[in-house]
Protein backbone atom coordinates (compact mmCIF):
# COMPACT_ATOMS: atom_id res chain seq x y z
CA UNK A 1 5.58 0.42 -19.89
CA UNK A 2 3.03 2.83 -18.44
CA UNK A 3 -0.47 2.58 -17.11
CA UNK A 4 -3.21 5.12 -17.56
CA UNK A 5 -5.00 6.93 -14.78
CA UNK A 6 -8.66 7.20 -15.77
CA UNK A 7 -10.60 10.26 -14.63
CA UNK A 8 -14.06 9.91 -13.01
CA UNK A 9 -17.07 9.52 -15.31
CA UNK A 10 -18.28 12.82 -16.66
CA UNK A 11 -14.86 14.39 -16.33
CA UNK A 12 -13.73 16.54 -19.23
CA UNK A 13 -10.10 15.59 -18.70
CA UNK A 14 -8.24 13.12 -20.89
CA UNK A 15 -6.59 10.07 -19.34
CA UNK A 16 -3.21 10.99 -17.88
CA UNK A 17 -0.32 8.59 -18.48
CA UNK A 18 1.44 7.52 -15.32
CA UNK A 19 4.83 6.06 -15.99
CA UNK A 20 4.99 3.46 -13.26
CA UNK A 21 7.46 0.79 -14.10
CA UNK A 22 6.40 -2.51 -12.65
CA UNK A 23 9.77 -3.80 -13.80
CA UNK A 24 11.37 -1.16 -11.54
CA UNK A 25 12.36 -3.81 -9.04
CA UNK A 26 9.35 -3.61 -6.71
CA UNK A 27 6.33 -5.92 -6.53
CA UNK A 28 3.33 -6.22 -4.25
CA UNK A 29 0.20 -8.36 -3.87
CA UNK A 30 -2.13 -6.03 -5.77
CA UNK A 31 -5.06 -6.64 -3.42
CA UNK A 32 -5.59 -7.90 0.13
CA UNK A 33 -8.73 -8.33 2.21
CA UNK A 34 -9.44 -9.07 5.86
CA UNK A 35 -12.47 -8.79 8.14
CA UNK A 36 -13.23 -5.76 10.25
CA UNK A 37 -11.25 -5.75 13.52
CA UNK A 38 -8.56 -8.15 12.31
CA UNK A 39 -5.02 -7.45 11.08
CA UNK A 40 -3.63 -7.58 7.58
CA UNK A 41 0.01 -7.91 6.53
CA UNK A 42 1.19 -6.80 3.11
CA UNK A 43 4.53 -8.02 1.81
CA UNK A 44 6.37 -6.10 -0.91
CA UNK A 45 9.47 -7.50 -2.59
CA UNK A 46 12.34 -5.42 -3.98
CA UNK A 47 15.62 -5.90 -5.82
CA UNK A 48 18.94 -6.02 -3.98
CA UNK A 49 19.93 -2.53 -5.16
CA UNK A 50 17.26 -1.07 -2.83
CA UNK A 51 18.42 -2.85 0.33
CA UNK A 52 19.59 0.25 2.22
CA UNK A 53 16.84 2.57 0.96
CA UNK A 54 13.89 3.74 3.04
CA UNK A 55 10.69 1.82 2.35
CA UNK A 56 7.26 3.30 2.92
CA UNK A 57 3.51 2.72 2.85
CA UNK A 58 1.38 5.54 1.56
CA UNK A 59 -2.32 6.03 1.00
CA UNK A 60 -4.15 7.62 -1.90
CA UNK A 61 -5.50 6.74 -5.31
CA UNK A 62 -2.80 8.80 -7.08
CA UNK A 63 0.82 7.77 -6.59
CA UNK A 64 2.32 11.26 -6.93
CA UNK A 65 0.11 12.70 -4.19
CA UNK A 66 -0.33 9.82 -1.76
CA UNK A 67 0.17 10.47 1.97
CA UNK A 68 2.97 8.50 3.68
CA UNK A 69 1.47 6.50 6.54
CA UNK A 70 4.71 4.94 7.80
CA UNK A 71 8.29 4.43 6.63
CA UNK A 72 11.46 2.61 7.58
CA UNK A 73 14.78 4.27 8.35
CA UNK A 74 16.62 2.08 5.84
CA UNK A 75 17.52 -0.40 8.58
CA UNK A 76 15.75 -3.60 9.55
CA UNK A 77 14.32 -2.08 12.72
CA UNK A 78 10.53 -2.15 12.91
CA UNK A 79 8.82 1.24 12.80
CA UNK A 80 5.47 1.63 14.56
CA UNK A 81 2.86 4.30 14.14
CA UNK A 82 -0.36 3.59 15.98
CA UNK A 83 -2.08 0.63 14.35
CA UNK A 84 0.42 0.42 11.48
CA UNK A 85 3.94 -1.00 11.48
CA UNK A 86 6.59 -1.64 8.84
CA UNK A 87 9.63 -3.93 8.90
CA UNK A 88 12.32 -4.43 6.26
CA UNK A 89 14.05 -7.80 5.84
CA UNK A 90 17.26 -7.19 3.87
CA UNK A 91 18.08 -10.89 3.54
CA UNK A 92 14.72 -11.73 1.93
CA UNK A 93 14.52 -8.32 0.20
CA UNK A 94 10.98 -7.78 1.41
CA UNK A 95 9.28 -5.23 3.58
CA UNK A 96 6.10 -6.02 5.44
CA UNK A 97 3.42 -3.56 6.45
CA UNK A 98 0.93 -4.65 9.13
CA UNK A 99 -2.32 -2.81 9.77
CA UNK A 100 -3.99 -3.87 13.03
CA UNK A 101 -7.58 -3.66 14.26
CA UNK A 102 -8.91 -2.86 10.79
CA UNK A 103 -11.70 -0.30 10.48
CA UNK A 104 -14.01 0.22 7.52
CA UNK A 105 -12.27 3.56 6.93
CA UNK A 106 -8.95 1.75 6.39
CA UNK A 107 -10.19 0.39 3.06
CA UNK A 108 -8.68 2.02 0.00
CA UNK A 109 -5.68 2.26 -2.29
CA UNK A 110 -2.24 2.16 -0.70
CA UNK A 111 1.22 1.98 -2.23
CA UNK A 112 4.42 0.14 -1.41
CA UNK A 113 7.16 2.65 -2.12
CA UNK A 114 10.93 2.99 -2.00
CA UNK A 115 12.72 6.31 -1.46
CA UNK A 116 15.50 6.88 -3.93
CA UNK A 117 17.10 9.72 -5.86
CA UNK A 118 14.81 10.66 -8.76
CA UNK A 119 11.50 8.88 -9.20
CA UNK A 120 10.48 6.59 -6.33
CA UNK A 121 9.23 3.19 -7.50
CA UNK A 122 5.80 2.29 -6.17
CA UNK A 123 3.17 -0.41 -6.64
CA UNK A 124 -0.51 -0.11 -5.70
CA UNK A 125 -2.23 -2.36 -3.18
CA UNK A 126 -6.00 -2.30 -2.75
CA UNK A 127 -6.97 -2.94 0.88
CA UNK A 128 -10.48 -4.31 1.35
CA UNK A 129 -12.03 -4.42 4.82
CA UNK A 130 -14.84 -6.96 4.97
CA UNK A 131 -17.79 -6.17 7.24
CA UNK A 132 -17.76 -8.23 10.42
CA UNK A 133 -20.30 -10.94 11.17
CA UNK A 134 -22.05 -8.81 13.81
CA UNK A 135 -22.45 -5.94 11.35
CA UNK A 136 -23.85 -8.26 8.68
CA UNK A 137 -26.39 -9.72 11.13
CA UNK A 138 -27.60 -6.28 12.19
CA UNK A 139 -27.91 -5.13 8.55
CA UNK A 140 -30.07 -8.16 7.66
CA UNK A 141 -32.56 -7.24 10.41
CA UNK A 142 -33.62 -4.10 8.54
């Protein structure tokens, strides 16, 4: 099963098939949202065969060219990188990515991914950062 990547309106390019297998043994929430300044945790579940593989969180609308934000070492040790951390739980076969102190610029398309020989499985997660109450109040004044 494949999905199609649609080009921006007005583009002369045809849709490009992306062969992402959602039955590849990796699932994610699809979309998460939290208010500005808070934290969000995203949990991705994988099949047992990927237990010892590195897991990662990458950002970008296109899977093949997304930028890795953080990754595990293949162990259960938590990896930290600024406001983002990732932890793998082999027993539950899940890895959890936490983004702290959310900023409006953190909104976008991210991917849960697993490093493996050949094509890495990945599933998209849309992160939505909701404007804070203070920001909403100041916008309504104008």
